[in-house]
């Protein structure tokens, strides 16, 4: 079975990063599907976190994975 890892923000579920498909031997054949595996990262996206300015790192906010933000390792 083929898998695709999709990272989503933990609160709003907006897309953070969609990884390439990890293909299996029958990838691309008729009727074969790709199973999406969701990993929750961060807290909320920039659009949804701007509604809660009182929330800051260390107050219930989880660090992101660093893929899209370009910050690795995540900073405090």
PDB file of N, CA and C in Angstrom:
ATOM      1  N   UNK A   1       0.838  -1.179   0.000  1.00  0.00           N
ATOM      2  CA  UNK A   1       0.000   0.000   0.000  1.00  0.00           C
ATOM      3  C   UNK A   1       0.885   1.245   0.000  1.00  0.00           C
ATOM      4  N   UNK A   2       0.497   2.240  -0.771  1.00  0.00           N
ATOM      5  CA  UNK A   2       1.226   3.503  -0.843  1.00  0.00           C
ATOM      6  C   UNK A   2       0.775   4.428   0.279  1.00  0.00           C
ATOM      7  N   UNK A   3       1.724   5.207   0.798  1.00  0.00           N
ATOM      8  CA  UNK A   3       1.418   6.158   1.858  1.00  0.00           C
ATOM      9  C   UNK A   3       1.884   7.549   1.465  1.00  0.00           C
ATOM     10  N   UNK A   4       1.175   8.541   1.978  1.00  0.00           N
ATOM     11  CA  UNK A   4       1.593   9.926   1.822  1.00  0.00           C
ATOM     12  C   UNK A   4       1.430  10.601   3.184  1.00  0.00           C
ATOM     13  N   UNK A   5       2.526  11.130   3.702  1.00  0.00           N
ATOM     14  CA  UNK A   5       2.498  11.821   4.982  1.00  0.00           C
ATOM     15  C   UNK A   5       2.100  13.274   4.738  1.00  0.00           C
ATOM     16  N   UNK A   6       1.100  13.729   5.492  1.00  0.00           N
ATOM     17  CA  UNK A   6       0.614  15.094   5.395  1.00  0.00           C
ATOM     18  C   UNK A   6       0.688  15.706   6.791  1.00  0.00           C
ATOM     19  N   UNK A   7       1.410  16.816   6.917  1.00  0.00           N
ATOM     20  CA  UNK A   7       1.512  17.509   8.198  1.00  0.00           C
ATOM     21  C   UNK A   7       0.462  18.609   8.243  1.00  0.00           C
ATOM     22  N   UNK A   8      -0.289  18.644   9.334  1.00  0.00           N
ATOM     23  CA  UNK A   8      -1.324  19.655   9.531  1.00  0.00           C
ATOM     24  C   UNK A   8      -1.156  20.295  10.899  1.00  0.00           C
ATOM     25  N   UNK A   9      -1.550  21.569  10.991  1.00  0.00           N
ATOM     26  CA  UNK A   9      -1.510  22.243  12.278  1.00  0.00           C
ATOM     27  C   UNK A   9      -2.496  21.580  13.227  1.00  0.00           C
ATOM     28  N   UNK A  10      -2.097  21.434  14.481  1.00  0.00           N
ATOM     29  CA  UNK A  10      -2.875  20.677  15.457  1.00  0.00           C
ATOM     30  C   UNK A  10      -4.248  21.265  15.742  1.00  0.00           C
ATOM     31  N   UNK A  11      -4.390  22.572  15.794  1.00  0.00           N
ATOM     32  CA  UNK A  11      -5.662  23.177  16.177  1.00  0.00           C
ATOM     33  C   UNK A  11      -6.580  23.398  14.985  1.00  0.00           C
ATOM     34  N   UNK A  12      -6.111  24.084  13.961  1.00  0.00           N
ATOM     35  CA  UNK A  12      -6.981  24.470  12.844  1.00  0.00           C
ATOM     36  C   UNK A  12      -7.006  23.442  11.714  1.00  0.00           C
ATOM     37  N   UNK A  13      -6.076  22.511  11.717  1.00  0.00           N
ATOM     38  CA  UNK A  13      -5.958  21.459  10.701  1.00  0.00           C
ATOM     39  C   UNK A  13      -5.607  21.985   9.309  1.00  0.00           C
ATOM     40  N   UNK A  14      -5.119  23.211   9.208  1.00  0.00           N
ATOM     41  CA  UNK A  14      -4.649  23.731   7.926  1.00  0.00           C
ATOM     42  C   UNK A  14      -3.399  22.965   7.505  1.00  0.00           C
ATOM     43  N   UNK A  15      -3.159  22.890   6.206  1.00  0.00           N
ATOM     44  CA  UNK A  15      -2.010  22.170   5.674  1.00  0.00           C
ATOM     45  C   UNK A  15      -0.714  22.868   6.045  1.00  0.00           C
ATOM     46  N   UNK A  16       0.246  22.098   6.549  1.00  0.00           N
ATOM     47  CA  UNK A  16       1.578  22.600   6.880  1.00  0.00           C
ATOM     48  C   UNK A  16       2.572  22.144   5.809  1.00  0.00           C
ATOM     49  N   UNK A  17       2.582  20.841   5.510  1.00  0.00           N
ATOM     50  CA  UNK A  17       3.494  20.312   4.497  1.00  0.00           C
ATOM     51  C   UNK A  17       2.958  18.969   4.006  1.00  0.00           C
ATOM     52  N   UNK A  18       2.968  18.788   2.695  1.00  0.00           N
ATOM     53  CA  UNK A  18       2.536  17.527   2.092  1.00  0.00           C
ATOM     54  C   UNK A  18       3.767  16.864   1.493  1.00  0.00           C
ATOM     55  N   UNK A  19       4.115  15.701   1.998  1.00  0.00           N
ATOM     56  CA  UNK A  19       5.298  14.972   1.543  1.00  0.00           C
ATOM     57  C   UNK A  19       5.000  14.189   0.262  1.00  0.00           C
ATOM     58  N   UNK A  20       6.039  13.760  -0.400  1.00  0.00           N
ATOM     59  CA  UNK A  20       5.901  12.948  -1.601  1.00  0.00           C
ATOM     60  C   UNK A  20       5.291  11.595  -1.242  1.00  0.00           C
ATOM     61  N   UNK A  21       4.665  10.965  -2.207  1.00  0.00           N
ATOM     62  CA  UNK A  21       4.067   9.641  -2.002  1.00  0.00           C
ATOM     63  C   UNK A  21       5.183   8.609  -1.903  1.00  0.00           C
ATOM     64  N   UNK A  22       5.060   7.727  -0.910  1.00  0.00           N
ATOM     65  CA  UNK A  22       5.980   6.603  -0.762  1.00  0.00           C
ATOM     66  C   UNK A  22       5.338   5.431  -1.504  1.00  0.00           C
ATOM     67  N   UNK A  23       5.768   5.168  -2.745  1.00  0.00           N
ATOM     68  CA  UNK A  23       5.074   4.182  -3.583  1.00  0.00           C
ATOM     69  C   UNK A  23       5.387   2.731  -3.204  1.00  0.00           C
ATOM     70  N   UNK A  24       4.410   1.871  -3.476  1.00  0.00           N
ATOM     71  CA  UNK A  24       4.605   0.437  -3.309  1.00  0.00           C
ATOM     72  C   UNK A  24       4.718  -0.194  -4.698  1.00  0.00           C
ATOM     73  N   UNK A  25       4.776  -1.507  -4.743  1.00  0.00           N
ATOM     74  CA  UNK A  25       4.978  -2.224  -6.009  1.00  0.00           C
ATOM     75  C   UNK A  25       3.828  -2.053  -6.996  1.00  0.00           C
ATOM     76  N   UNK A  26       2.618  -1.797  -6.524  1.00  0.00           N
ATOM     77  CA  UNK A  26       1.468  -1.681  -7.426  1.00  0.00           C
ATOM     78  C   UNK A  26       1.038  -0.222  -7.622  1.00  0.00           C
ATOM     79  N   UNK A  27       1.904   0.720  -7.320  1.00  0.00           N
ATOM     80  CA  UNK A  27       1.598   2.147  -7.477  1.00  0.00           C
ATOM     81  C   UNK A  27       1.218   2.460  -8.924  1.00  0.00           C
ATOM     82  N   UNK A  28       0.127   3.199  -9.091  1.00  0.00           N
ATOM     83  CA  UNK A  28      -0.306   3.616 -10.413  1.00  0.00           C
ATOM     84  C   UNK A  28      -1.234   2.655 -11.126  1.00  0.00           C
ATOM     85  N   UNK A  29      -1.434   1.466 -10.581  1.00  0.00           N
ATOM     86  CA  UNK A  29      -2.327   0.508 -11.221  1.00  0.00           C
ATOM     87  C   UNK A  29      -3.779   0.858 -10.917  1.00  0.00           C
ATOM     88  N   UNK A  30      -4.648   0.450 -11.792  1.00  0.00           N
ATOM     89  CA  UNK A  30      -6.072   0.740 -11.666  1.00  0.00           C
ATOM     90  C   UNK A  30      -6.627   0.219 -10.338  1.00  0.00           C
ATOM     91  N   UNK A  31      -7.374   1.087  -9.659  1.00  0.00           N
ATOM     92  CA  UNK A  31      -8.010   0.714  -8.404  1.00  0.00           C
ATOM     93  C   UNK A  31      -7.127   0.847  -7.172  1.00  0.00           C
ATOM     94  N   UNK A  32      -5.854   1.127  -7.381  1.00  0.00           N
ATOM     95  CA  UNK A  32      -4.932   1.266  -6.244  1.00  0.00           C
ATOM     96  C   UNK A  32      -5.053   2.678  -5.673  1.00  0.00           C
ATOM     97  N   UNK A  33      -5.109   2.781  -4.365  1.00  0.00           N
ATOM     98  CA  UNK A  33      -5.239   4.087  -3.716  1.00  0.00           C
ATOM     99  C   UNK A  33      -4.023   4.396  -2.858  1.00  0.00           C
ATOM    100  N   UNK A  34      -3.876   5.666  -2.550  1.00  0.00           N
ATOM    101  CA  UNK A  34      -2.804   6.138  -1.675  1.00  0.00           C
ATOM    102  C   UNK A  34      -3.429   6.458  -0.325  1.00  0.00           C
ATOM    103  N   UNK A  35      -2.892   5.877   0.735  1.00  0.00           N
ATOM    104  CA  UNK A  35      -3.405   6.136   2.070  1.00  0.00           C
ATOM    105  C   UNK A  35      -2.667   7.322   2.675  1.00  0.00           C
ATOM    106  N   UNK A  36      -3.438   8.316   3.111  1.00  0.00           N
ATOM    107  CA  UNK A  36      -2.860   9.530   3.700  1.00  0.00           C
ATOM    108  C   UNK A  36      -2.697   9.328   5.203  1.00  0.00           C
ATOM    109  N   UNK A  37      -1.500   9.626   5.699  1.00  0.00           N
ATOM    110  CA  UNK A  37      -1.208   9.572   7.131  1.00  0.00           C
ATOM    111  C   UNK A  37      -0.994  11.001   7.596  1.00  0.00           C
ATOM    112  N   UNK A  38      -1.777  11.439   8.560  1.00  0.00           N
ATOM    113  CA  UNK A  38      -1.699  12.809   9.047  1.00  0.00           C
ATOM    114  C   UNK A  38      -0.868  12.886  10.315  1.00  0.00           C
ATOM    115  N   UNK A  39       0.052  13.848  10.335  1.00  0.00           N
ATOM    116  CA  UNK A  39       0.877  14.133  11.505  1.00  0.00           C
ATOM    117  C   UNK A  39       0.549  15.558  11.931  1.00  0.00           C
ATOM    118  N   UNK A  40       0.213  15.730  13.204  1.00  0.00           N
ATOM    119  CA  UNK A  40      -0.114  17.061  13.703  1.00  0.00           C
ATOM    120  C   UNK A  40       1.145  17.760  14.172  1.00  0.00           C
ATOM    121  N   UNK A  41       1.318  19.013  13.738  1.00  0.00           N
ATOM    122  CA  UNK A  41       2.499  19.797  14.092  1.00  0.00           C
ATOM    123  C   UNK A  41       2.072  21.175  14.579  1.00  0.00           C
ATOM    124  N   UNK A  42       2.962  21.848  15.254  1.00  0.00           N
ATOM    125  CA  UNK A  42       2.706  23.226  15.666  1.00  0.00           C
ATOM    126  C   UNK A  42       1.436  23.382  16.459  1.00  0.00           C
ATOM    127  N   UNK A  43       0.866  24.553  16.374  1.00  0.00           N
ATOM    128  CA  UNK A  43      -0.360  24.855  17.105  1.00  0.00           C
ATOM    129  C   UNK A  43      -1.444  25.263  16.116  1.00  0.00           C
ATOM    130  N   UNK A  44      -1.276  26.423  15.497  1.00  0.00           N
ATOM    131  CA  UNK A  44      -2.227  26.908  14.499  1.00  0.00           C
ATOM    132  C   UNK A  44      -1.449  27.677  13.442  1.00  0.00           C
ATOM    133  N   UNK A  45      -2.002  27.747  12.235  1.00  0.00           N
ATOM    134  CA  UNK A  45      -1.344  28.477  11.151  1.00  0.00           C
ATOM    135  C   UNK A  45      -1.346  29.976  11.444  1.00  0.00           C
ATOM    136  N   UNK A  46      -0.634  30.736  10.648  1.00  0.00           N
ATOM    137  CA  UNK A  46      -0.546  32.181  10.833  1.00  0.00           C
ATOM    138  C   UNK A  46      -1.886  32.886  10.781  1.00  0.00           C
ATOM    139  N   UNK A  47      -2.771  32.400   9.967  1.00  0.00           N
ATOM    140  CA  UNK A  47      -4.102  33.010   9.851  1.00  0.00           C
ATOM    141  C   UNK A  47      -4.911  32.766  11.119  1.00  0.00           C
ATOM    142  N   UNK A  48      -4.898  31.539  11.607  1.00  0.00           N
ATOM    143  CA  UNK A  48      -5.719  31.191  12.763  1.00  0.00           C
ATOM    144  C   UNK A  48      -5.066  31.534  14.099  1.00  0.00           C
ATOM    145  N   UNK A  49      -3.757  31.608  14.154  1.00  0.00           N
ATOM    146  CA  UNK A  49      -3.109  31.937  15.421  1.00  0.00           C
ATOM    147  C   UNK A  49      -3.132  33.439  15.697  1.00  0.00           C
ATOM    148  N   UNK A  50      -3.354  34.259  14.664  1.00  0.00           N
ATOM    149  CA  UNK A  50      -3.389  35.710  14.862  1.00  0.00           C
ATOM    150  C   UNK A  50      -4.617  36.129  15.666  1.00  0.00           C
ATOM    151  N   UNK A  51      -5.588  35.251  15.786  1.00  0.00           N
ATOM    152  CA  UNK A  51      -6.789  35.557  16.558  1.00  0.00           C
ATOM    153  C   UNK A  51      -6.566  35.359  18.051  1.00  0.00           C
ATOM    154  N   UNK A  52      -5.406  34.787  18.417  1.00  0.00           N
ATOM    155  CA  UNK A  52      -5.124  34.523  19.822  1.00  0.00           C
ATOM    156  C   UNK A  52      -3.742  35.054  20.180  1.00  0.00           C
ATOM    157  N   UNK A  53      -3.547  36.346  20.182  1.00  0.00           N
ATOM    158  CA  UNK A  53      -2.224  36.898  20.441  1.00  0.00           C
ATOM    159  C   UNK A  53      -1.708  36.640  21.854  1.00  0.00           C
ATOM    160  N   UNK A  54      -2.589  36.293  22.779  1.00  0.00           N
ATOM    161  CA  UNK A  54      -2.144  36.045  24.145  1.00  0.00           C
ATOM    162  C   UNK A  54      -1.437  34.700  24.288  1.00  0.00           C
ATOM    163  N   UNK A  55      -1.535  33.851  23.262  1.00  0.00           N
ATOM    164  CA  UNK A  55      -0.894  32.554  23.315  1.00  0.00           C
ATOM    165  C   UNK A  55       0.512  32.679  22.754  1.00  0.00           C
ATOM    166  N   UNK A  56       1.491  32.260  23.527  1.00  0.00           N
ATOM    167  CA  UNK A  56       2.874  32.314  23.083  1.00  0.00           C
ATOM    168  C   UNK A  56       3.565  31.001  23.337  1.00  0.00           C
ATOM    169  N   UNK A  57       4.780  30.864  22.862  1.00  0.00           N
ATOM    170  CA  UNK A  57       5.523  29.628  23.053  1.00  0.00           C
ATOM    171  C   UNK A  57       5.696  29.378  24.541  1.00  0.00           C
ATOM    172  N   UNK A  58       5.501  28.148  24.936  1.00  0.00           N
ATOM    173  CA  UNK A  58       5.621  27.797  26.341  1.00  0.00           C
ATOM    174  C   UNK A  58       4.289  27.911  27.073  1.00  0.00           C
ATOM    175  N   UNK A  59       3.254  28.335  26.356  1.00  0.00           N
ATOM    176  CA  UNK A  59       1.933  28.459  26.967  1.00  0.00           C
ATOM    177  C   UNK A  59       0.952  27.570  26.207  1.00  0.00           C
ATOM    178  N   UNK A  60       1.340  26.306  25.968  1.00  0.00           N
ATOM    179  CA  UNK A  60       0.470  25.392  25.268  1.00  0.00           C
ATOM    180  C   UNK A  60       0.729  25.312  23.772  1.00  0.00           C
ATOM    181  N   UNK A  61       1.715  26.022  23.263  1.00  0.00           N
ATOM    182  CA  UNK A  61       2.021  26.006  21.839  1.00  0.00           C
ATOM    183  C   UNK A  61       3.137  25.007  21.591  1.00  0.00           C
ATOM    184  N   UNK A  62       2.902  24.111  20.646  1.00  0.00           N
ATOM    185  CA  UNK A  62       3.905  23.122  20.306  1.00  0.00           C
ATOM    186  C   UNK A  62       4.796  23.649  19.190  1.00  0.00           C
ATOM    187  N   UNK A  63       6.092  23.343  19.212  1.00  0.00           N
ATOM    188  CA  UNK A  63       6.971  23.790  18.131  1.00  0.00           C
ATOM    189  C   UNK A  63       6.648  23.047  16.842  1.00  0.00           C
ATOM    190  N   UNK A  64       6.944  23.671  15.701  1.00  0.00           N
ATOM    191  CA  UNK A  64       6.688  23.001  14.431  1.00  0.00           C
ATOM    192  C   UNK A  64       7.844  22.067  14.102  1.00  0.00           C
ATOM    193  N   UNK A  65       7.694  21.306  13.025  1.00  0.00           N
ATOM    194  CA  UNK A  65       8.716  20.335  12.640  1.00  0.00           C
ATOM    195  C   UNK A  65       9.908  21.000  11.962  1.00  0.00           C
ATOM    196  N   UNK A  66       9.747  22.243  11.512  1.00  0.00           N
ATOM    197  CA  UNK A  66      10.846  22.950  10.869  1.00  0.00           C
ATOM    198  C   UNK A  66      10.877  22.825   9.364  1.00  0.00           C
ATOM    199  N   UNK A  67      10.031  21.987   8.771  1.00  0.00           N
ATOM    200  CA  UNK A  67      10.076  21.794   7.329  1.00  0.00           C
ATOM    201  C   UNK A  67       9.762  23.070   6.555  1.00  0.00           C
ATOM    202  N   UNK A  68       8.620  23.659   6.796  1.00  0.00           N
ATOM    203  CA  UNK A  68       8.203  24.808   6.018  1.00  0.00           C
ATOM    204  C   UNK A  68       8.729  26.132   6.571  1.00  0.00           C
ATOM    205  N   UNK A  69       8.932  26.198   7.869  1.00  0.00           N
ATOM    206  CA  UNK A  69       9.334  27.466   8.465  1.00  0.00           C
ATOM    207  C   UNK A  69      10.803  27.774   8.197  1.00  0.00           C
ATOM    208  N   UNK A  70      11.571  26.737   7.859  1.00  0.00           N
ATOM    209  CA  UNK A  70      12.999  26.942   7.633  1.00  0.00           C
ATOM    210  C   UNK A  70      13.767  27.068   8.935  1.00  0.00           C
ATOM    211  N   UNK A  71      13.103  26.814  10.053  1.00  0.00           N
ATOM    212  CA  UNK A  71      13.750  26.897  11.350  1.00  0.00           C
ATOM    213  C   UNK A  71      13.967  25.471  11.840  1.00  0.00           C
ATOM    214  N   UNK A  72      15.223  25.056  11.871  1.00  0.00           N
ATOM    215  CA  UNK A  72      15.525  23.732  12.379  1.00  0.00           C
ATOM    216  C   UNK A  72      16.783  23.789  13.183  1.00  0.00           C
ATOM    217  N   UNK A  73      16.798  23.340  14.399  1.00  0.00           N
ATOM    218  CA  UNK A  73      15.610  22.898  15.126  1.00  0.00           C
ATOM    219  C   UNK A  73      14.728  24.074  15.492  1.00  0.00           C
ATOM    220  N   UNK A  74      13.450  23.800  15.810  1.00  0.00           N
ATOM    221  CA  UNK A  74      12.547  24.886  16.181  1.00  0.00           C
ATOM    222  C   UNK A  74      13.120  25.686  17.358  1.00  0.00           C
ATOM    223  N   UNK A  75      12.952  26.987  17.303  1.00  0.00           N
ATOM    224  CA  UNK A  75      13.497  27.840  18.354  1.00  0.00           C
ATOM    225  C   UNK A  75      12.413  28.216  19.356  1.00  0.00           C
ATOM    226  N   UNK A  76      12.842  28.628  20.506  1.00  0.00           N
ATOM    227  CA  UNK A  76      11.875  29.047  21.541  1.00  0.00           C
ATOM    228  C   UNK A  76      11.680  30.518  21.500  1.00  0.00           C
TER     229      UNK A  76
END
